[in-house]
Amino acid sequence: MHKVTSKRQVTLPLSVCNAIALKPGDYVEVFARDGVAHIVKMNSDNLAGQFHYLLEDKAYPAVDGLKAALKNRAADKFTANDCG
């Protein structure tokens, strides 16, 4: 069992990190569905596919736009039963 710190942080077990090839510095999306928290690793393919349209006109996405797109992508992958 893991304890949540006062900063709402949790240390992920090495076995979980290894199972999803999660390394320090990687991006993850965390969301809740039906009372269960989910952690989805984001990779370069996920990110590139989400933001290519933003870069066509040389505009760079704002942080809020990135966060929203990451959240939507993670939720879409989860509901499609394809979290890998």
Foldseek 3Di string as FASTA:
>chain_A
DWDQDPVRDTDDDPVVCVVQVNDPPWDWDWDDDPRDIDIATDDPVLQCVQCVVVPPVPHDDDPVSSNVSRNVSCVVCVVVVHRD
